[in-house]
N, C-alpha and C. Protein backbone atom coordinates (compact mmCIF):
# COMPACT_ATOMS: atom_id res chain seq x y z
N MET A 1 -59.95 7.24 -12.27
CA MET A 1 -58.91 8.22 -11.91
C MET A 1 -58.78 9.25 -13.02
N MET A 2 -59.07 10.52 -12.70
CA MET A 2 -59.02 11.58 -13.68
C MET A 2 -57.60 11.85 -14.18
N PHE A 3 -56.60 11.56 -13.36
CA PHE A 3 -55.22 11.89 -13.69
C PHE A 3 -54.42 10.66 -14.10
N SER A 4 -55.06 9.72 -14.78
CA SER A 4 -54.40 8.47 -15.15
C SER A 4 -53.25 8.68 -16.12
N GLU A 5 -53.41 9.60 -17.07
CA GLU A 5 -52.33 9.86 -18.03
C GLU A 5 -51.12 10.47 -17.34
N PHE A 6 -51.36 11.33 -16.37
CA PHE A 6 -50.27 11.90 -15.59
C PHE A 6 -49.49 10.80 -14.88
N GLN A 7 -50.20 9.84 -14.28
CA GLN A 7 -49.55 8.74 -13.59
C GLN A 7 -48.71 7.89 -14.54
N GLN A 8 -49.19 7.71 -15.75
CA GLN A 8 -48.45 6.92 -16.74
C GLN A 8 -47.18 7.62 -17.19
N ASN A 9 -47.22 8.94 -17.27
CA ASN A 9 -46.09 9.69 -17.80
C ASN A 9 -45.05 10.08 -16.76
N PHE A 10 -45.47 10.17 -15.49
CA PHE A 10 -44.55 10.62 -14.45
C PHE A 10 -44.53 9.63 -13.28
N SER A 11 -43.41 8.98 -13.10
CA SER A 11 -43.27 8.05 -11.98
C SER A 11 -43.04 8.83 -10.70
N HIS A 12 -43.61 8.34 -9.58
CA HIS A 12 -43.46 9.06 -8.32
C HIS A 12 -42.24 8.56 -7.56
N ASP A 13 -41.67 9.46 -6.76
CA ASP A 13 -40.47 9.15 -5.99
C ASP A 13 -40.77 8.71 -4.56
N ASN A 14 -41.93 9.05 -4.06
CA ASN A 14 -42.29 8.73 -2.68
C ASN A 14 -43.79 8.55 -2.58
N ARG A 15 -44.23 7.99 -1.49
CA ARG A 15 -45.66 7.81 -1.27
C ARG A 15 -46.12 8.77 -0.18
N ALA A 16 -47.20 9.46 -0.47
CA ALA A 16 -47.74 10.41 0.49
C ALA A 16 -48.80 9.73 1.36
N MET A 17 -49.01 10.28 2.55
CA MET A 17 -50.07 9.78 3.41
C MET A 17 -51.41 10.23 2.86
N VAL A 18 -52.41 9.39 3.00
CA VAL A 18 -53.75 9.76 2.56
C VAL A 18 -54.29 10.85 3.49
N VAL A 19 -54.82 11.88 2.91
CA VAL A 19 -55.33 13.01 3.70
C VAL A 19 -56.84 12.86 3.86
N ASP A 20 -57.28 12.53 5.06
CA ASP A 20 -58.71 12.31 5.30
C ASP A 20 -59.50 13.61 5.29
N SER A 21 -58.84 14.71 5.65
CA SER A 21 -59.54 15.98 5.78
C SER A 21 -59.42 16.83 4.52
N ILE A 22 -59.26 16.19 3.38
CA ILE A 22 -58.99 16.91 2.13
C ILE A 22 -60.06 17.96 1.84
N LYS A 23 -61.32 17.66 2.04
CA LYS A 23 -62.38 18.61 1.71
C LYS A 23 -62.39 19.80 2.64
N ALA A 24 -61.83 19.61 3.84
CA ALA A 24 -61.84 20.69 4.81
C ALA A 24 -60.74 21.71 4.55
N VAL A 25 -59.68 21.32 3.84
CA VAL A 25 -58.54 22.21 3.68
C VAL A 25 -58.32 22.64 2.23
N VAL A 26 -59.02 22.05 1.29
CA VAL A 26 -58.80 22.35 -0.13
C VAL A 26 -60.03 23.05 -0.71
N PRO A 27 -59.84 24.16 -1.40
CA PRO A 27 -60.97 24.84 -2.05
C PRO A 27 -61.69 23.89 -3.01
N ASP A 28 -62.99 24.05 -3.10
CA ASP A 28 -63.78 23.17 -3.95
C ASP A 28 -63.73 23.63 -5.40
N ILE A 29 -62.55 23.47 -5.99
CA ILE A 29 -62.33 23.79 -7.40
C ILE A 29 -62.27 22.47 -8.15
N ILE A 30 -62.95 22.37 -9.28
CA ILE A 30 -63.06 21.11 -9.99
C ILE A 30 -61.69 20.45 -10.21
N ASP A 31 -61.58 19.18 -9.84
CA ASP A 31 -60.41 18.32 -9.99
C ASP A 31 -59.28 18.60 -9.00
N LEU A 32 -59.29 19.74 -8.31
CA LEU A 32 -58.21 20.02 -7.36
C LEU A 32 -58.23 19.09 -6.15
N PRO A 33 -59.38 18.83 -5.50
CA PRO A 33 -59.37 17.90 -4.37
C PRO A 33 -58.86 16.51 -4.74
N GLU A 34 -59.22 16.02 -5.93
CA GLU A 34 -58.75 14.69 -6.33
C GLU A 34 -57.24 14.68 -6.54
N LEU A 35 -56.71 15.72 -7.18
CA LEU A 35 -55.27 15.80 -7.39
C LEU A 35 -54.52 15.77 -6.06
N LEU A 36 -54.95 16.60 -5.12
CA LEU A 36 -54.22 16.72 -3.86
C LEU A 36 -54.44 15.52 -2.95
N SER A 37 -55.62 14.92 -2.98
CA SER A 37 -55.85 13.74 -2.14
C SER A 37 -55.10 12.53 -2.68
N SER A 38 -54.88 12.49 -3.99
CA SER A 38 -54.19 11.35 -4.60
C SER A 38 -52.67 11.52 -4.58
N PHE A 39 -52.18 12.75 -4.75
CA PHE A 39 -50.74 12.96 -4.95
C PHE A 39 -50.11 14.01 -4.05
N GLY A 40 -50.89 14.61 -3.14
CA GLY A 40 -50.34 15.67 -2.29
C GLY A 40 -49.14 15.21 -1.49
N GLY A 41 -48.07 16.00 -1.50
CA GLY A 41 -46.85 15.67 -0.78
C GLY A 41 -45.90 14.75 -1.52
N MET A 42 -46.19 14.47 -2.79
CA MET A 42 -45.37 13.55 -3.57
C MET A 42 -44.50 14.31 -4.56
N SER A 43 -43.34 13.72 -4.88
CA SER A 43 -42.49 14.24 -5.94
C SER A 43 -42.43 13.23 -7.07
N PHE A 44 -42.06 13.71 -8.25
CA PHE A 44 -42.10 12.88 -9.45
C PHE A 44 -40.85 13.07 -10.29
N ALA A 45 -40.51 12.00 -11.02
CA ALA A 45 -39.40 12.02 -11.99
C ALA A 45 -38.09 12.49 -11.36
N GLY A 46 -37.77 11.91 -10.21
CA GLY A 46 -36.50 12.21 -9.57
C GLY A 46 -36.39 13.62 -9.01
N GLY A 47 -37.51 14.17 -8.52
CA GLY A 47 -37.49 15.50 -7.94
C GLY A 47 -37.79 16.61 -8.92
N LEU A 48 -38.11 16.26 -10.16
CA LEU A 48 -38.38 17.26 -11.20
C LEU A 48 -39.62 18.09 -10.88
N TYR A 49 -40.68 17.41 -10.43
CA TYR A 49 -41.96 18.06 -10.19
C TYR A 49 -42.54 17.55 -8.89
N ARG A 50 -43.23 18.40 -8.14
CA ARG A 50 -43.82 18.02 -6.85
C ARG A 50 -45.24 18.56 -6.76
N ILE A 51 -46.09 17.88 -6.04
CA ILE A 51 -47.45 18.36 -5.79
C ILE A 51 -47.56 18.68 -4.30
N ILE A 52 -48.15 19.82 -4.02
CA ILE A 52 -48.19 20.36 -2.67
C ILE A 52 -49.05 19.50 -1.74
N ASP A 53 -48.55 19.30 -0.53
CA ASP A 53 -49.34 18.66 0.51
C ASP A 53 -50.50 19.61 0.84
N PRO A 54 -51.74 19.12 0.86
CA PRO A 54 -52.88 20.02 1.10
C PRO A 54 -52.79 20.80 2.40
N SER A 55 -52.10 20.26 3.40
CA SER A 55 -51.97 20.99 4.66
C SER A 55 -51.06 22.21 4.52
N ASP A 56 -50.31 22.30 3.40
CA ASP A 56 -49.40 23.42 3.17
C ASP A 56 -49.93 24.44 2.18
N LEU A 57 -51.17 24.30 1.76
CA LEU A 57 -51.70 25.20 0.74
C LEU A 57 -51.61 26.67 1.15
N GLU A 58 -52.02 26.98 2.36
CA GLU A 58 -52.02 28.38 2.79
C GLU A 58 -50.60 28.93 2.83
N VAL A 59 -49.65 28.09 3.22
CA VAL A 59 -48.26 28.52 3.27
C VAL A 59 -47.75 28.85 1.88
N TRP A 60 -48.05 27.98 0.91
CA TRP A 60 -47.61 28.22 -0.45
C TRP A 60 -48.29 29.44 -1.06
N ASN A 61 -49.57 29.59 -0.84
CA ASN A 61 -50.26 30.77 -1.35
C ASN A 61 -49.64 32.05 -0.81
N ALA A 62 -49.30 32.04 0.48
CA ALA A 62 -48.70 33.23 1.10
C ALA A 62 -47.32 33.51 0.53
N ARG A 63 -46.54 32.46 0.27
CA ARG A 63 -45.21 32.64 -0.31
C ARG A 63 -45.30 33.37 -1.65
N VAL A 64 -46.19 32.88 -2.49
CA VAL A 64 -46.31 33.44 -3.83
C VAL A 64 -46.87 34.86 -3.78
N LEU A 65 -47.88 35.09 -2.96
CA LEU A 65 -48.52 36.40 -2.91
C LEU A 65 -47.61 37.47 -2.30
N HIS A 66 -46.64 37.06 -1.51
CA HIS A 66 -45.66 38.01 -0.99
C HIS A 66 -44.89 38.64 -2.15
N ALA A 67 -44.58 37.84 -3.17
CA ALA A 67 -43.84 38.34 -4.33
C ALA A 67 -44.75 38.90 -5.42
N PHE A 68 -45.98 38.34 -5.51
CA PHE A 68 -46.90 38.71 -6.58
C PHE A 68 -48.26 39.11 -5.98
N PRO A 69 -48.30 40.21 -5.24
CA PRO A 69 -49.53 40.58 -4.52
C PRO A 69 -50.70 40.93 -5.44
N GLN A 70 -50.43 41.17 -6.72
CA GLN A 70 -51.54 41.49 -7.64
C GLN A 70 -52.45 40.29 -7.88
N PHE A 71 -52.03 39.10 -7.44
CA PHE A 71 -52.85 37.90 -7.59
C PHE A 71 -53.66 37.57 -6.33
N GLU A 72 -53.70 38.49 -5.39
CA GLU A 72 -54.47 38.29 -4.15
C GLU A 72 -55.91 37.91 -4.47
N LYS A 73 -56.40 36.88 -3.78
CA LYS A 73 -57.76 36.36 -3.91
C LYS A 73 -58.04 35.73 -5.28
N ARG A 74 -56.99 35.45 -6.05
CA ARG A 74 -57.18 34.86 -7.37
C ARG A 74 -56.58 33.46 -7.50
N ILE A 75 -55.56 33.14 -6.71
CA ILE A 75 -54.82 31.90 -6.97
C ILE A 75 -54.93 30.87 -5.85
N VAL A 76 -54.78 29.62 -6.27
CA VAL A 76 -54.59 28.49 -5.35
C VAL A 76 -53.45 27.67 -5.91
N CYS A 77 -52.38 27.55 -5.17
CA CYS A 77 -51.20 26.80 -5.62
C CYS A 77 -51.46 25.30 -5.54
N PHE A 78 -50.83 24.54 -6.44
CA PHE A 78 -50.98 23.08 -6.36
C PHE A 78 -49.68 22.32 -6.61
N GLY A 79 -48.67 22.93 -7.20
CA GLY A 79 -47.45 22.20 -7.48
C GLY A 79 -46.26 23.13 -7.62
N TYR A 80 -45.05 22.55 -7.62
CA TYR A 80 -43.83 23.33 -7.82
C TYR A 80 -42.76 22.42 -8.41
N ASP A 81 -41.77 23.03 -9.05
CA ASP A 81 -40.75 22.22 -9.71
C ASP A 81 -39.41 22.36 -9.02
N TRP A 82 -38.40 21.75 -9.60
CA TRP A 82 -37.07 21.68 -8.99
C TRP A 82 -36.41 23.06 -8.85
N LEU A 83 -36.80 24.01 -9.71
CA LEU A 83 -36.27 25.37 -9.64
C LEU A 83 -37.04 26.25 -8.65
N GLY A 84 -38.06 25.67 -8.01
CA GLY A 84 -38.87 26.43 -7.08
C GLY A 84 -40.01 27.18 -7.74
N SER A 85 -40.18 27.04 -9.06
CA SER A 85 -41.30 27.67 -9.74
C SER A 85 -42.61 27.03 -9.30
N VAL A 86 -43.60 27.84 -9.04
CA VAL A 86 -44.86 27.36 -8.48
C VAL A 86 -45.97 27.42 -9.52
N PHE A 87 -46.79 26.38 -9.54
CA PHE A 87 -47.94 26.31 -10.44
C PHE A 87 -49.20 26.50 -9.62
N ALA A 88 -50.09 27.34 -10.13
CA ALA A 88 -51.32 27.67 -9.39
C ALA A 88 -52.48 27.80 -10.36
N LEU A 89 -53.68 27.71 -9.81
CA LEU A 89 -54.90 27.97 -10.56
C LEU A 89 -55.29 29.43 -10.36
N ASP A 90 -55.63 30.09 -11.46
CA ASP A 90 -55.95 31.51 -11.43
C ASP A 90 -57.43 31.70 -11.78
N SER A 91 -58.22 32.12 -10.80
CA SER A 91 -59.65 32.31 -11.03
C SER A 91 -59.94 33.50 -11.95
N GLY A 92 -58.92 34.31 -12.21
CA GLY A 92 -59.10 35.46 -13.09
C GLY A 92 -58.93 35.13 -14.56
N ARG A 93 -58.64 33.87 -14.87
CA ARG A 93 -58.46 33.46 -16.25
C ARG A 93 -58.94 32.03 -16.40
N HIS A 94 -59.59 31.70 -17.52
CA HIS A 94 -60.15 30.36 -17.68
C HIS A 94 -59.63 29.67 -18.94
N GLU A 95 -59.47 28.38 -18.83
CA GLU A 95 -59.07 27.51 -19.93
C GLU A 95 -60.04 26.34 -19.95
N GLY A 96 -60.79 26.19 -21.04
CA GLY A 96 -61.76 25.11 -21.10
C GLY A 96 -62.85 25.23 -20.06
N GLY A 97 -63.21 26.46 -19.70
CA GLY A 97 -64.26 26.68 -18.72
C GLY A 97 -63.83 26.49 -17.28
N GLN A 98 -62.54 26.28 -17.03
CA GLN A 98 -62.03 26.10 -15.68
C GLN A 98 -60.87 27.08 -15.44
N PRO A 99 -60.53 27.33 -14.15
CA PRO A 99 -59.42 28.24 -13.88
C PRO A 99 -58.15 27.82 -14.61
N GLY A 100 -57.47 28.79 -15.22
CA GLY A 100 -56.25 28.51 -15.95
C GLY A 100 -55.05 28.37 -15.03
N VAL A 101 -54.01 27.72 -15.53
CA VAL A 101 -52.77 27.52 -14.77
C VAL A 101 -51.83 28.69 -15.02
N VAL A 102 -51.21 29.17 -13.96
CA VAL A 102 -50.18 30.20 -14.06
C VAL A 102 -48.95 29.71 -13.33
N MET A 103 -47.77 30.00 -13.90
CA MET A 103 -46.51 29.59 -13.31
C MET A 103 -45.77 30.81 -12.79
N PHE A 104 -45.38 30.78 -11.52
CA PHE A 104 -44.65 31.87 -10.89
C PHE A 104 -43.18 31.47 -10.76
N GLU A 105 -42.31 32.23 -11.41
CA GLU A 105 -40.88 31.91 -11.42
C GLU A 105 -40.13 32.85 -10.49
N PRO A 106 -39.64 32.36 -9.36
CA PRO A 106 -38.91 33.24 -8.44
C PRO A 106 -37.58 33.71 -9.00
N GLY A 107 -36.97 32.94 -9.89
CA GLY A 107 -35.68 33.33 -10.44
C GLY A 107 -35.74 34.42 -11.48
N THR A 108 -36.90 34.57 -12.14
CA THR A 108 -37.06 35.61 -13.15
C THR A 108 -37.98 36.73 -12.69
N GLY A 109 -38.75 36.48 -11.64
CA GLY A 109 -39.71 37.47 -11.16
C GLY A 109 -40.92 37.60 -12.04
N GLU A 110 -41.22 36.55 -12.83
CA GLU A 110 -42.32 36.61 -13.78
C GLU A 110 -43.42 35.61 -13.45
N ALA A 111 -44.62 35.95 -13.89
CA ALA A 111 -45.76 35.05 -13.84
C ALA A 111 -46.14 34.74 -15.28
N LEU A 112 -46.18 33.46 -15.63
CA LEU A 112 -46.43 33.04 -17.01
C LEU A 112 -47.75 32.29 -17.10
N GLU A 113 -48.60 32.71 -18.00
CA GLU A 113 -49.86 32.01 -18.22
C GLU A 113 -49.61 30.75 -19.05
N ILE A 114 -50.15 29.63 -18.59
CA ILE A 114 -50.03 28.35 -19.29
C ILE A 114 -51.40 27.99 -19.85
N PRO A 115 -51.47 27.63 -21.13
CA PRO A 115 -52.77 27.38 -21.77
C PRO A 115 -53.36 26.04 -21.38
N SER A 116 -53.64 25.86 -20.09
CA SER A 116 -54.18 24.60 -19.58
C SER A 116 -54.99 24.86 -18.33
N ASN A 117 -55.91 23.94 -18.00
CA ASN A 117 -56.50 23.91 -16.68
C ASN A 117 -55.81 22.79 -15.90
N ILE A 118 -56.24 22.52 -14.70
CA ILE A 118 -55.49 21.58 -13.86
C ILE A 118 -55.45 20.16 -14.44
N LEU A 119 -56.53 19.74 -15.09
CA LEU A 119 -56.56 18.40 -15.65
C LEU A 119 -55.74 18.31 -16.93
N THR A 120 -55.92 19.24 -17.84
CA THR A 120 -55.17 19.18 -19.09
C THR A 120 -53.69 19.45 -18.87
N PHE A 121 -53.36 20.23 -17.85
CA PHE A 121 -51.96 20.48 -17.52
C PHE A 121 -51.24 19.18 -17.16
N HIS A 122 -51.88 18.37 -16.32
CA HIS A 122 -51.24 17.13 -15.88
C HIS A 122 -51.33 16.00 -16.90
N ASN A 123 -52.47 15.86 -17.55
CA ASN A 123 -52.65 14.73 -18.46
C ASN A 123 -52.05 14.97 -19.85
N LYS A 124 -52.01 16.22 -20.28
CA LYS A 124 -51.52 16.52 -21.62
C LYS A 124 -50.33 17.46 -21.61
N GLY A 125 -50.49 18.57 -20.88
CA GLY A 125 -49.50 19.63 -20.94
C GLY A 125 -48.09 19.22 -20.56
N LEU A 126 -47.94 18.54 -19.43
CA LEU A 126 -46.61 18.17 -18.98
C LEU A 126 -45.92 17.22 -19.94
N ALA A 127 -46.71 16.40 -20.65
CA ALA A 127 -46.13 15.51 -21.65
C ALA A 127 -45.77 16.27 -22.93
N GLU A 128 -46.60 17.25 -23.29
CA GLU A 128 -46.41 17.97 -24.56
C GLU A 128 -45.40 19.10 -24.44
N PHE A 129 -45.45 19.86 -23.33
CA PHE A 129 -44.50 20.97 -23.20
C PHE A 129 -43.80 20.94 -21.84
N GLY A 130 -43.50 19.73 -21.38
CA GLY A 130 -42.79 19.58 -20.12
C GLY A 130 -41.42 20.23 -20.14
N GLU A 131 -40.76 20.22 -21.29
CA GLU A 131 -39.45 20.86 -21.40
C GLU A 131 -39.54 22.34 -21.07
N ALA A 132 -40.58 22.98 -21.59
CA ALA A 132 -40.76 24.41 -21.34
C ALA A 132 -41.20 24.68 -19.91
N ALA A 133 -42.13 23.88 -19.41
CA ALA A 133 -42.70 24.13 -18.09
C ALA A 133 -41.77 23.73 -16.95
N LEU A 134 -41.00 22.68 -17.14
CA LEU A 134 -40.18 22.12 -16.05
C LEU A 134 -38.68 22.23 -16.29
N ALA A 135 -38.26 22.78 -17.42
CA ALA A 135 -36.84 22.92 -17.73
C ALA A 135 -36.10 21.58 -17.56
N ILE A 136 -36.60 20.56 -18.23
CA ILE A 136 -36.10 19.20 -18.02
C ILE A 136 -34.63 19.06 -18.41
N SER A 137 -34.24 19.60 -19.55
CA SER A 137 -32.84 19.49 -19.99
C SER A 137 -31.91 20.21 -19.02
N PHE A 138 -32.36 21.36 -18.52
CA PHE A 138 -31.57 22.12 -17.55
C PHE A 138 -31.40 21.32 -16.26
N TYR A 139 -32.43 20.58 -15.88
CA TYR A 139 -32.35 19.74 -14.68
C TYR A 139 -31.30 18.65 -14.86
N HIS A 140 -31.29 18.01 -16.01
CA HIS A 140 -30.29 16.97 -16.25
C HIS A 140 -28.89 17.56 -16.33
N GLU A 141 -28.80 18.78 -16.83
CA GLU A 141 -27.50 19.47 -16.84
C GLU A 141 -27.03 19.73 -15.41
N TRP A 142 -27.97 20.15 -14.55
CA TRP A 142 -27.64 20.36 -13.14
C TRP A 142 -27.20 19.06 -12.47
N LEU A 143 -27.91 17.97 -12.71
CA LEU A 143 -27.56 16.70 -12.11
C LEU A 143 -26.19 16.24 -12.56
N ALA A 144 -25.87 16.44 -13.82
CA ALA A 144 -24.55 16.06 -14.33
C ALA A 144 -23.45 16.93 -13.71
N TYR A 145 -23.79 18.17 -13.42
CA TYR A 145 -22.82 19.13 -12.88
C TYR A 145 -22.58 18.90 -11.39
N VAL A 146 -23.65 18.64 -10.63
CA VAL A 146 -23.55 18.53 -9.16
C VAL A 146 -23.79 17.10 -8.68
N GLY A 147 -24.73 16.40 -9.32
CA GLY A 147 -25.03 15.03 -8.93
C GLY A 147 -25.89 14.90 -7.70
N GLN A 148 -26.61 15.95 -7.33
CA GLN A 148 -27.45 15.92 -6.13
C GLN A 148 -28.86 16.38 -6.47
N ARG A 149 -29.84 15.55 -6.14
CA ARG A 149 -31.23 15.91 -6.35
C ARG A 149 -31.75 16.67 -5.14
N PRO A 150 -32.54 17.69 -5.35
CA PRO A 150 -33.14 18.40 -4.21
C PRO A 150 -34.23 17.55 -3.58
N SER A 151 -34.35 17.62 -2.28
CA SER A 151 -35.44 16.93 -1.59
C SER A 151 -36.73 17.70 -1.82
N ILE A 152 -37.84 17.15 -1.34
CA ILE A 152 -39.13 17.79 -1.57
C ILE A 152 -39.25 19.12 -0.83
N SER A 153 -38.43 19.35 0.18
CA SER A 153 -38.45 20.62 0.90
C SER A 153 -37.39 21.58 0.37
N GLN A 154 -36.71 21.19 -0.70
CA GLN A 154 -35.66 22.01 -1.28
C GLN A 154 -35.97 22.36 -2.74
N CYS A 155 -35.22 23.31 -3.26
CA CYS A 155 -35.25 23.60 -4.68
C CYS A 155 -33.83 23.96 -5.09
N VAL A 156 -33.61 24.05 -6.38
CA VAL A 156 -32.32 24.50 -6.89
C VAL A 156 -32.51 25.94 -7.36
N GLY A 157 -32.06 26.87 -6.55
CA GLY A 157 -32.32 28.27 -6.81
C GLY A 157 -31.14 29.01 -7.39
N TYR A 158 -31.41 30.16 -7.95
CA TYR A 158 -30.34 30.99 -8.51
C TYR A 158 -29.62 31.73 -7.38
N ARG A 159 -28.28 31.67 -7.41
CA ARG A 159 -27.49 32.45 -6.44
C ARG A 159 -27.76 33.94 -6.65
N ILE A 160 -27.70 34.35 -7.90
CA ILE A 160 -28.05 35.72 -8.28
C ILE A 160 -29.23 35.61 -9.24
N PRO A 161 -30.41 36.09 -8.86
CA PRO A 161 -31.59 35.92 -9.72
C PRO A 161 -31.41 36.62 -11.07
N LEU A 162 -32.10 36.10 -12.06
CA LEU A 162 -31.95 36.61 -13.42
C LEU A 162 -32.43 38.05 -13.55
N PHE A 163 -33.41 38.44 -12.74
CA PHE A 163 -33.96 39.79 -12.88
C PHE A 163 -33.05 40.87 -12.32
N VAL A 164 -31.92 40.49 -11.71
CA VAL A 164 -30.92 41.48 -11.30
C VAL A 164 -29.59 41.19 -11.98
N GLY A 165 -29.63 40.45 -13.09
CA GLY A 165 -28.43 40.27 -13.88
C GLY A 165 -27.71 38.95 -13.72
N GLY A 166 -28.28 38.00 -12.97
CA GLY A 166 -27.64 36.70 -12.82
C GLY A 166 -27.65 35.91 -14.12
N LYS A 167 -26.71 34.98 -14.26
CA LYS A 167 -26.61 34.17 -15.46
C LYS A 167 -27.50 32.93 -15.37
N ASP A 168 -28.10 32.57 -16.48
CA ASP A 168 -28.96 31.37 -16.54
C ASP A 168 -28.08 30.16 -16.85
N SER A 169 -27.30 29.75 -15.86
CA SER A 169 -26.34 28.65 -16.02
C SER A 169 -26.28 27.84 -14.74
N VAL A 170 -25.82 26.61 -14.85
CA VAL A 170 -25.76 25.75 -13.67
C VAL A 170 -24.77 26.28 -12.64
N GLU A 171 -23.78 27.05 -13.10
CA GLU A 171 -22.81 27.63 -12.16
C GLU A 171 -23.46 28.65 -11.24
N ASN A 172 -24.61 29.16 -11.64
CA ASN A 172 -25.32 30.16 -10.84
C ASN A 172 -26.44 29.54 -10.01
N LEU A 173 -26.42 28.22 -9.87
CA LEU A 173 -27.45 27.52 -9.11
C LEU A 173 -26.88 26.93 -7.83
N GLU A 174 -27.75 26.75 -6.83
CA GLU A 174 -27.39 26.07 -5.60
C GLU A 174 -28.64 25.52 -4.95
N ILE A 175 -28.48 24.45 -4.20
CA ILE A 175 -29.62 23.87 -3.47
C ILE A 175 -29.98 24.77 -2.29
N SER A 176 -31.27 25.06 -2.18
CA SER A 176 -31.75 25.94 -1.12
C SER A 176 -32.99 25.34 -0.47
N ASP A 177 -33.24 25.71 0.76
CA ASP A 177 -34.52 25.41 1.39
C ASP A 177 -35.57 26.23 0.65
N VAL A 178 -36.64 25.58 0.21
CA VAL A 178 -37.60 26.26 -0.66
C VAL A 178 -38.30 27.42 0.05
N ASP A 179 -38.53 27.29 1.34
CA ASP A 179 -39.17 28.37 2.08
C ASP A 179 -38.25 29.58 2.18
N VAL A 180 -36.98 29.34 2.49
CA VAL A 180 -36.01 30.43 2.59
C VAL A 180 -35.82 31.10 1.23
N TYR A 181 -35.74 30.28 0.18
CA TYR A 181 -35.53 30.81 -1.16
C TYR A 181 -36.68 31.72 -1.59
N TRP A 182 -37.91 31.27 -1.38
CA TRP A 182 -39.06 32.09 -1.77
C TRP A 182 -39.16 33.36 -0.92
N HIS A 183 -38.79 33.26 0.34
CA HIS A 183 -38.82 34.46 1.19
C HIS A 183 -37.85 35.51 0.67
N LEU A 184 -36.63 35.09 0.35
CA LEU A 184 -35.62 36.01 -0.15
C LEU A 184 -35.99 36.55 -1.53
N MET A 185 -36.42 35.65 -2.42
CA MET A 185 -36.78 36.08 -3.76
C MET A 185 -38.00 37.01 -3.74
N GLY A 186 -38.93 36.73 -2.84
CA GLY A 186 -40.10 37.58 -2.73
C GLY A 186 -39.73 39.01 -2.38
N GLN A 187 -38.80 39.16 -1.44
CA GLN A 187 -38.36 40.49 -1.07
C GLN A 187 -37.66 41.19 -2.23
N LEU A 188 -36.79 40.44 -2.92
CA LEU A 188 -36.04 41.02 -4.03
C LEU A 188 -36.95 41.39 -5.20
N ILE A 189 -37.94 40.54 -5.48
CA ILE A 189 -38.87 40.82 -6.57
C ILE A 189 -39.63 42.11 -6.31
N ARG A 190 -40.11 42.27 -5.10
CA ARG A 190 -40.88 43.48 -4.78
C ARG A 190 -40.01 44.72 -4.85
N GLU A 191 -38.75 44.59 -4.42
CA GLU A 191 -37.84 45.74 -4.44
C GLU A 191 -37.36 46.05 -5.86
N ALA A 192 -36.92 45.01 -6.58
CA ALA A 192 -36.30 45.22 -7.89
C ALA A 192 -37.31 45.53 -8.98
N LEU A 193 -38.49 44.93 -8.88
CA LEU A 193 -39.47 45.09 -9.95
C LEU A 193 -40.62 46.01 -9.58
N GLY A 194 -40.53 46.63 -8.41
CA GLY A 194 -41.52 47.63 -8.06
C GLY A 194 -42.88 47.07 -7.70
N ARG A 195 -42.95 45.90 -7.04
CA ARG A 195 -44.24 45.41 -6.59
C ARG A 195 -44.81 46.41 -5.58
N PRO A 196 -46.12 46.59 -5.44
CA PRO A 196 -47.12 45.67 -5.94
C PRO A 196 -47.55 45.86 -7.38
N GLU A 197 -47.18 46.98 -8.02
CA GLU A 197 -47.60 47.12 -9.41
C GLU A 197 -47.01 45.99 -10.25
N GLY A 198 -45.69 45.81 -10.11
CA GLY A 198 -45.05 44.66 -10.72
C GLY A 198 -45.02 44.69 -12.24
N THR A 199 -44.38 43.66 -12.79
CA THR A 199 -44.37 43.50 -14.23
C THR A 199 -45.63 42.76 -14.65
N ALA A 200 -46.01 42.92 -15.88
CA ALA A 200 -47.23 42.29 -16.38
C ALA A 200 -47.07 40.79 -16.47
N THR A 201 -48.17 40.10 -16.27
CA THR A 201 -48.18 38.66 -16.49
C THR A 201 -47.98 38.40 -17.97
N ARG A 202 -47.13 37.43 -18.29
CA ARG A 202 -46.86 37.12 -19.69
C ARG A 202 -47.47 35.80 -20.06
N LYS A 203 -47.87 35.70 -21.32
CA LYS A 203 -48.44 34.46 -21.82
C LYS A 203 -47.33 33.52 -22.21
N SER A 204 -47.54 32.24 -21.97
CA SER A 204 -46.61 31.21 -22.39
C SER A 204 -47.33 30.26 -23.30
N ALA A 205 -46.80 30.09 -24.50
CA ALA A 205 -47.41 29.17 -25.46
C ALA A 205 -46.87 27.77 -25.33
N GLY A 206 -46.06 27.55 -24.30
CA GLY A 206 -45.49 26.22 -24.11
C GLY A 206 -44.36 25.93 -25.06
N ASP A 207 -43.65 26.99 -25.54
CA ASP A 207 -42.60 26.76 -26.52
C ASP A 207 -41.22 27.10 -25.98
N GLY A 208 -41.09 27.13 -24.68
CA GLY A 208 -39.77 27.36 -24.10
C GLY A 208 -39.87 28.14 -22.81
N ARG A 209 -39.06 27.76 -21.85
CA ARG A 209 -39.02 28.51 -20.58
C ARG A 209 -38.37 29.84 -20.84
N THR A 210 -39.03 30.90 -20.42
CA THR A 210 -38.55 32.24 -20.74
C THR A 210 -37.65 32.76 -19.65
N THR A 211 -36.43 32.29 -19.65
CA THR A 211 -35.44 32.79 -18.70
C THR A 211 -34.28 33.40 -19.45
């Protein structure tokens, strides 16, 4: 198992059905078919992180590209977190000879480069800079404030997104359907930030979520 360290560090919340048609629906990118066939449709660490069901790949790619059209024909999504931020592989950038990971944040309207490929992201990155990538402390603050975990079809989104002046606080969060949230944020990002030109992709050194 290529992702054994990931399994050791992140306990799963549910069991996904085995996908027999994995090769037919997943791009042949190194390690991606194994990740999705092993963990697709599962959530981890109490809803903190989720891996996309392979049958939903096209839906997730479309969601992200609606807000970030400059990544057309470059990305394949594979995971998302409790805030609705999506993790994808970017063929336009490489880490260790493989497509690099990029994180799309609907609440900030930013795309952040993560210095990992899909294997190092799961086996090393999430353990080393999980606080920055997944906003773990903020999640526990939310749970203490509301006491409700989002389901795998939900996220905890900003009532007023940060890119239009919303506050980065639990009082500005609410549970939303992830599809509805991304649809609304996608429209706002394009309008507020002038997509398709958009803001530049920013590099993330794994030293803090930039919100």
